[in-house]
């Protein structure tokens, strides 16, 4: 989330779906406001999120989707590799460090 704050934006967190352990698209929908610019669903613990739910939300609200797949590299969703729009940050909890590297 450091990169979000670095550009002057405010991250808004959503609850997780207890079945998938990933962010709950229904809770994300409830948190979208006029100030929302993008959705950043995270593929957690090697389990891909339901990316189509987020792309649908983005289309409905004129937003962008940036899929954070750093914690699910090598996973597949519906036969395709996760992370077509993958982000990484400098959080030390990430499985893979990219861009800035390890500190």
Protein backbone atom coordinates (compact mmCIF):
# COMPACT_ATOMS: atom_id res chain seq x y z
CA UNK A 1 0.00 0.00 0.00
CA UNK A 2 3.03 2.25 0.19
CA UNK A 3 2.89 3.02 -3.52
CA UNK A 4 -0.74 4.12 -3.21
CA UNK A 5 0.12 6.59 -0.46
CA UNK A 6 3.26 7.68 -2.30
CA UNK A 7 1.13 9.06 -5.15
CA UNK A 8 -1.16 10.86 -2.72
CA UNK A 9 -4.06 8.42 -2.87
CA UNK A 10 -5.87 6.84 0.08
CA UNK A 11 -6.23 3.06 0.16
CA UNK A 12 -9.63 1.71 1.18
CA UNK A 13 -9.63 -1.83 2.50
CA UNK A 14 -12.42 -4.38 2.11
CA UNK A 15 -13.33 -7.55 3.96
CA UNK A 16 -12.31 -10.99 2.79
CA UNK A 17 -14.55 -13.79 1.65
CA UNK A 18 -14.16 -16.56 4.26
CA UNK A 19 -14.50 -19.21 1.54
CA UNK A 20 -11.69 -17.98 -0.73
CA UNK A 21 -9.64 -15.91 1.77
CA UNK A 22 -9.45 -13.24 -0.93
CA UNK A 23 -11.07 -9.83 -0.99
CA UNK A 24 -14.86 -9.99 -1.23
CA UNK A 25 -16.12 -8.34 -4.46
CA UNK A 26 -19.50 -7.61 -2.83
CA UNK A 27 -17.81 -5.68 -0.02
CA UNK A 28 -15.66 -3.85 -2.56
CA UNK A 29 -18.81 -2.81 -4.43
CA UNK A 30 -20.24 -1.28 -1.23
CA UNK A 31 -17.05 0.76 -0.71
CA UNK A 32 -16.81 2.31 -4.20
CA UNK A 33 -17.35 6.08 -4.14
CA UNK A 34 -16.96 8.95 -6.59
CA UNK A 35 -13.34 9.26 -5.40
CA UNK A 36 -12.47 5.63 -6.30
CA UNK A 37 -10.01 5.43 -9.20
CA UNK A 38 -8.90 1.79 -9.27
CA UNK A 39 -9.43 -1.62 -7.75
CA UNK A 40 -6.43 -3.68 -6.62
CA UNK A 41 -7.59 -7.22 -5.87
CA UNK A 42 -4.92 -9.38 -4.26
CA UNK A 43 -4.37 -13.06 -5.04
CA UNK A 44 -3.67 -14.30 -1.53
CA UNK A 45 -1.86 -17.41 -0.30
CA UNK A 46 -1.45 -18.84 -3.80
CA UNK A 47 -5.21 -18.67 -4.41
CA UNK A 48 -6.32 -16.42 -7.27
CA UNK A 49 -9.18 -14.01 -6.66
CA UNK A 50 -12.31 -13.98 -8.82
CA UNK A 51 -10.85 -11.42 -11.21
CA UNK A 52 -13.91 -11.33 -13.46
CA UNK A 53 -15.98 -9.96 -10.56
CA UNK A 54 -13.52 -7.07 -10.24
CA UNK A 55 -13.32 -6.38 -13.96
CA UNK A 56 -17.15 -6.25 -14.03
CA UNK A 57 -17.17 -3.80 -11.11
CA UNK A 58 -14.54 -1.70 -12.88
CA UNK A 59 -16.52 -1.63 -16.11
CA UNK A 60 -19.71 -0.68 -14.27
CA UNK A 61 -18.00 2.21 -12.46
CA UNK A 62 -15.41 3.39 -15.00
CA UNK A 63 -12.45 2.16 -12.92
CA UNK A 64 -9.18 0.39 -13.64
CA UNK A 65 -8.14 -2.99 -12.23
CA UNK A 66 -4.57 -3.73 -11.18
CA UNK A 67 -4.27 -7.33 -10.08
CA UNK A 68 -1.68 -7.93 -7.34
CA UNK A 69 -0.51 -11.50 -7.86
CA UNK A 70 2.76 -11.35 -5.94
CA UNK A 71 1.51 -13.93 -3.42
CA UNK A 72 0.16 -16.33 -6.05
CA UNK A 73 2.89 -16.51 -8.68
CA UNK A 74 2.68 -19.77 -10.59
CA UNK A 75 -1.04 -20.17 -9.87
CA UNK A 76 -3.61 -20.46 -12.60
CA UNK A 77 -7.19 -19.23 -12.79
CA UNK A 78 -9.53 -20.78 -15.34
CA UNK A 79 -6.50 -22.23 -17.11
CA UNK A 80 -4.58 -18.97 -17.40
CA UNK A 81 -1.62 -17.75 -15.32
CA UNK A 82 -2.51 -15.14 -12.71
CA UNK A 83 -1.03 -11.69 -12.77
CA UNK A 84 -1.51 -10.27 -16.23
CA UNK A 85 -1.59 -6.87 -14.53
CA UNK A 86 0.50 -7.84 -11.51
CA UNK A 87 1.86 -5.31 -9.09
CA UNK A 88 4.47 -5.68 -6.44
CA UNK A 89 5.46 -3.44 -3.59
CA UNK A 90 8.13 -3.29 -0.96
CA UNK A 91 6.22 -5.03 1.81
CA UNK A 92 8.45 -7.59 3.49
CA UNK A 93 5.61 -10.13 3.62
CA UNK A 94 5.64 -10.62 -0.14
CA UNK A 95 6.75 -13.94 -1.56
CA UNK A 96 8.53 -12.15 -4.42
CA UNK A 97 10.20 -8.77 -4.16
CA UNK A 98 10.31 -6.74 -7.35
CA UNK A 99 10.98 -3.23 -8.54
CA UNK A 100 12.71 -1.96 -5.38
CA UNK A 101 14.12 -5.31 -4.25
CA UNK A 102 14.81 -6.32 -0.69
CA UNK A 103 15.94 -3.72 1.78
